[in-house]
Amino acid sequence: MIGTLGGKIVFEVSDEYALTFNNMTRDVSGRWTEHDAMGAKPKKEFLGPGSQKINLPITLSAGLGVKPRAVIEAIEEMVETGAVEYFVLGSRPVGKNPFCLTASSETWDTIYNHGELAKATLTITLEEYT
């Protein structure tokens, strides 16, 4: 097992199944404000940490044993119901807090006869939930 996003999405590779992601990006930031000072340069003030954000591109392929439409529907439900889940890689959570799924973007790459989705590219956006 590579990792999980809550209990519904399991990233893993076996002889018959491969659900993985590539080129994950993670943004970690701080929150800052700036105060104007008369006759001097503005002064910066650190307010605290910002919310972490993750973009996760996932390739869904029926040729790798994945049911693309089922995964898309599971992600869609998580986004539309406001699901908050831990994102775990290996045995370690990414970040200290769970993430909410704020968006999902799909490209339906290969569609077979009768509308069967054979391959899709999905990018999900996660934002730290505190």
C-alpha atoms as a PDB file:
ATOM      1  CA  MET A   1       0.000   0.000   0.000  1.00  0.00           C
ATOM      2  CA  ILE A   2       1.244   3.452  -0.935  1.00  0.00           C
ATOM      3  CA  GLY A   3      -1.218   5.422   1.154  1.00  0.00           C
ATOM      4  CA  THR A   4      -4.816   6.382   1.833  1.00  0.00           C
ATOM      5  CA  LEU A   5      -7.134   9.335   1.676  1.00  0.00           C
ATOM      6  CA  GLY A   6      -9.594   8.481   4.398  1.00  0.00           C
ATOM      7  CA  GLY A   7     -11.202   5.067   4.159  1.00  0.00           C
ATOM      8  CA  LYS A   8     -12.563   5.349   0.604  1.00  0.00           C
ATOM      9  CA  ILE A   9      -9.448   5.982  -1.475  1.00  0.00           C
ATOM     10  CA  VAL A  10      -6.562   3.527  -1.145  1.00  0.00           C
ATOM     11  CA  PHE A  11      -3.459   4.056  -3.270  1.00  0.00           C
ATOM     12  CA  GLU A  12      -1.811   0.726  -3.963  1.00  0.00           C
ATOM     13  CA  VAL A  13      -0.080  -1.369  -6.606  1.00  0.00           C
ATOM     14  CA  SER A  14      -0.392  -5.123  -7.106  1.00  0.00           C
ATOM     15  CA  ASP A  15      -0.310  -7.617  -9.981  1.00  0.00           C
ATOM     16  CA  GLU A  16      -3.933  -6.868 -10.814  1.00  0.00           C
ATOM     17  CA  TYR A  17      -4.488  -3.298  -9.580  1.00  0.00           C
ATOM     18  CA  ALA A  18      -2.700   0.039  -9.666  1.00  0.00           C
ATOM     19  CA  LEU A  19      -4.106   3.255  -8.226  1.00  0.00           C
ATOM     20  CA  THR A  20      -1.316   5.796  -7.850  1.00  0.00           C
ATOM     21  CA  PHE A  21      -0.592   9.481  -8.308  1.00  0.00           C
ATOM     22  CA  ASN A  22       2.253  11.484  -9.822  1.00  0.00           C
ATOM     23  CA  ASN A  23       3.651  14.981  -9.401  1.00  0.00           C
ATOM     24  CA  MET A  24       1.908  15.770  -6.117  1.00  0.00           C
ATOM     25  CA  THR A  25       2.441  19.374  -5.051  1.00  0.00           C
ATOM     26  CA  ARG A  26       2.186  20.616  -1.481  1.00  0.00           C
ATOM     27  CA  ASP A  27       2.188  24.274  -0.434  1.00  0.00           C
ATOM     28  CA  VAL A  28       3.187  25.184   3.107  1.00  0.00           C
ATOM     29  CA  SER A  29       2.977  28.863   3.995  1.00  0.00           C
ATOM     30  CA  GLY A  30       2.969  31.408   6.771  1.00  0.00           C
ATOM     31  CA  ARG A  31       0.542  34.286   7.246  1.00  0.00           C
ATOM     32  CA  TRP A  32       2.087  37.721   7.314  1.00  0.00           C
ATOM     33  CA  THR A  33       0.802  41.275   7.512  1.00  0.00           C
ATOM     34  CA  GLU A  34       2.532  44.564   6.857  1.00  0.00           C
ATOM     35  CA  HIS A  35       2.252  47.744   8.940  1.00  0.00           C
ATOM     36  CA  ASP A  36       3.047  51.124   7.460  1.00  0.00           C
ATOM     37  CA  ALA A  37       5.460  53.256   9.447  1.00  0.00           C
ATOM     38  CA  MET A  38       5.825  56.987   8.960  1.00  0.00           C
ATOM     39  CA  GLY A  39       9.166  57.793   7.314  1.00  0.00           C
ATOM     40  CA  ALA A  40      10.362  54.170   7.443  1.00  0.00           C
ATOM     41  CA  LYS A  41       9.956  50.939   5.562  1.00  0.00           C
ATOM     42  CA  PRO A  42       6.844  48.888   6.339  1.00  0.00           C
ATOM     43  CA  LYS A  43       7.182  46.438   9.225  1.00  0.00           C
ATOM     44  CA  LYS A  44       6.331  42.780   8.737  1.00  0.00           C
ATOM     45  CA  GLU A  45       4.480  40.818  11.398  1.00  0.00           C
ATOM     46  CA  PHE A  46       4.114  37.045  11.450  1.00  0.00           C
ATOM     47  CA  LEU A  47       0.542  36.044  12.274  1.00  0.00           C
ATOM     48  CA  GLY A  48       0.956  32.267  12.251  1.00  0.00           C
ATOM     49  CA  PRO A  49       0.987  29.321   9.900  1.00  0.00           C
ATOM     50  CA  GLY A  50      -1.197  29.258   6.806  1.00  0.00           C
ATOM     51  CA  SER A  51      -3.295  26.318   5.671  1.00  0.00           C
ATOM     52  CA  GLN A  52      -1.394  23.668   3.751  1.00  0.00           C
ATOM     53  CA  LYS A  53      -2.654  22.860   0.264  1.00  0.00           C
ATOM     54  CA  ILE A  54      -2.097  19.738  -1.829  1.00  0.00           C
ATOM     55  CA  ASN A  55      -2.804  19.114  -5.516  1.00  0.00           C
ATOM     56  CA  LEU A  56      -2.911  15.439  -6.343  1.00  0.00           C
ATOM     57  CA  PRO A  57      -3.001  14.319 -10.005  1.00  0.00           C
ATOM     58  CA  ILE A  58      -4.305  10.747 -10.261  1.00  0.00           C
ATOM     59  CA  THR A  59      -4.423   8.538 -13.360  1.00  0.00           C
ATOM     60  CA  LEU A  60      -7.353   6.121 -13.416  1.00  0.00           C
ATOM     61  CA  SER A  61      -7.042   3.251 -15.884  1.00  0.00           C
ATOM     62  CA  ALA A  62      -9.296   0.241 -16.361  1.00  0.00           C
ATOM     63  CA  GLY A  63      -6.258  -1.472 -17.905  1.00  0.00           C
ATOM     64  CA  LEU A  64      -4.671  -1.347 -14.436  1.00  0.00           C
ATOM     65  CA  GLY A  65      -7.711  -2.844 -12.705  1.00  0.00           C
ATOM     66  CA  VAL A  66      -9.219   0.472 -11.581  1.00  0.00           C
ATOM     67  CA  LYS A  67     -12.847   1.390 -12.214  1.00  0.00           C
ATOM     68  CA  PRO A  68     -12.377   5.057 -13.193  1.00  0.00           C
ATOM     69  CA  ARG A  69     -16.020   6.038 -12.890  1.00  0.00           C
ATOM     70  CA  ALA A  70     -16.339   4.520  -9.397  1.00  0.00           C
ATOM     71  CA  VAL A  71     -13.279   6.429  -8.144  1.00  0.00           C
ATOM     72  CA  ILE A  72     -14.505   9.670  -9.739  1.00  0.00           C
ATOM     73  CA  GLU A  73     -17.912   9.243  -8.093  1.00  0.00           C
ATOM     74  CA  ALA A  74     -16.322   8.539  -4.688  1.00  0.00           C
ATOM     75  CA  ILE A  75     -14.165  11.680  -4.965  1.00  0.00           C
ATOM     76  CA  GLU A  76     -17.138  13.718  -6.188  1.00  0.00           C
ATOM     77  CA  GLU A  77     -19.147  12.644  -3.148  1.00  0.00           C
ATOM     78  CA  MET A  78     -16.273  13.556  -0.818  1.00  0.00           C
ATOM     79  CA  VAL A  79     -15.988  17.037  -2.372  1.00  0.00           C
ATOM     80  CA  GLU A  80     -19.716  17.730  -2.398  1.00  0.00           C
ATOM     81  CA  THR A  81     -20.365  16.520   1.155  1.00  0.00           C
ATOM     82  CA  GLY A  82     -17.449  18.387   2.711  1.00  0.00           C
ATOM     83  CA  ALA A  83     -15.502  15.272   3.693  1.00  0.00           C
ATOM     84  CA  VAL A  84     -12.520  15.831   5.980  1.00  0.00           C
ATOM     85  CA  GLU A  85      -9.928  13.043   5.871  1.00  0.00           C
ATOM     86  CA  TYR A  86      -6.339  12.331   6.811  1.00  0.00           C
ATOM     87  CA  PHE A  87      -3.954  11.868   3.879  1.00  0.00           C
ATOM     88  CA  VAL A  88      -1.486   9.130   4.790  1.00  0.00           C
ATOM     89  CA  LEU A  89       1.567   8.082   2.773  1.00  0.00           C
ATOM     90  CA  GLY A  90       3.280   4.927   3.932  1.00  0.00           C
ATOM     91  CA  SER A  91       2.541   4.905   7.621  1.00  0.00           C
ATOM     92  CA  ARG A  92       2.839   8.669   8.178  1.00  0.00           C
ATOM     93  CA  PRO A  93       0.152  11.321   7.799  1.00  0.00           C
ATOM     94  CA  VAL A  94       0.946  14.257   5.536  1.00  0.00           C
ATOM     95  CA  GLY A  95       0.794  17.296   7.797  1.00  0.00           C
ATOM     96  CA  LYS A  96      -0.517  17.400  11.343  1.00  0.00           C
ATOM     97  CA  ASN A  97      -4.182  17.893  10.524  1.00  0.00           C
ATOM     98  CA  PRO A  98      -6.749  16.285   8.235  1.00  0.00           C
ATOM     99  CA  PHE A  99      -7.579  17.782   4.845  1.00  0.00           C
ATOM    100  CA  CYS A 100     -10.865  18.798   3.277  1.00  0.00           C
ATOM    101  CA  LEU A 101     -11.381  18.045  -0.390  1.00  0.00           C
ATOM    102  CA  THR A 102     -12.149  21.438  -1.892  1.00  0.00           C
ATOM    103  CA  ALA A 103     -12.140  20.644  -5.626  1.00  0.00           C
ATOM    104  CA  SER A 104     -11.844  17.937  -8.251  1.00  0.00           C
ATOM    105  CA  SER A 105     -11.011  18.342 -11.933  1.00  0.00           C
ATOM    106  CA  GLU A 106     -11.494  15.490 -14.419  1.00  0.00           C
ATOM    107  CA  THR A 107     -10.347  14.700 -17.932  1.00  0.00           C
ATOM    108  CA  TRP A 108     -12.061  11.705 -19.488  1.00  0.00           C
ATOM    109  CA  ASP A 109      -9.266  10.415 -21.693  1.00  0.00           C
ATOM    110  CA  THR A 110     -10.638   7.149 -23.163  1.00  0.00           C
ATOM    111  CA  ILE A 111     -14.284   6.178 -23.498  1.00  0.00           C
ATOM    112  CA  TYR A 112     -15.322   2.843 -24.993  1.00  0.00           C
ATOM    113  CA  ASN A 113     -18.525   1.743 -26.659  1.00  0.00           C
ATOM    114  CA  HIS A 114     -21.708   2.345 -24.615  1.00  0.00           C
ATOM    115  CA  GLY A 115     -19.971   5.140 -22.690  1.00  0.00           C
ATOM    116  CA  GLU A 116     -17.676   2.954 -20.590  1.00  0.00           C
ATOM    117  CA  LEU A 117     -14.929   5.149 -19.150  1.00  0.00           C
ATOM    118  CA  ALA A 118     -11.615   3.305 -19.578  1.00  0.00           C
ATOM    119  CA  LYS A 119      -9.098   5.992 -18.642  1.00  0.00           C
ATOM    120  CA  ALA A 120      -9.332   9.333 -16.883  1.00  0.00           C
ATOM    121  CA  THR A 121      -7.051  11.873 -15.282  1.00  0.00           C
ATOM    122  CA  LEU A 122      -8.270  13.384 -12.043  1.00  0.00           C
ATOM    123  CA  THR A 123      -6.720  16.207 -10.030  1.00  0.00           C
ATOM    124  CA  ILE A 124      -8.002  16.730  -6.511  1.00  0.00           C
ATOM    125  CA  THR A 125      -7.313  19.752  -4.348  1.00  0.00           C
ATOM    126  CA  LEU A 126      -6.939  19.260  -0.615  1.00  0.00           C
ATOM    127  CA  GLU A 127      -6.776  22.041   1.953  1.00  0.00           C
ATOM    128  CA  GLU A 128      -5.754  21.620   5.566  1.00  0.00           C
ATOM    129  CA  TYR A 129      -8.705  21.534   7.943  1.00  0.00           C
ATOM    130  CA  THR A 130      -8.206  23.025  11.391  1.00  0.00           C
END
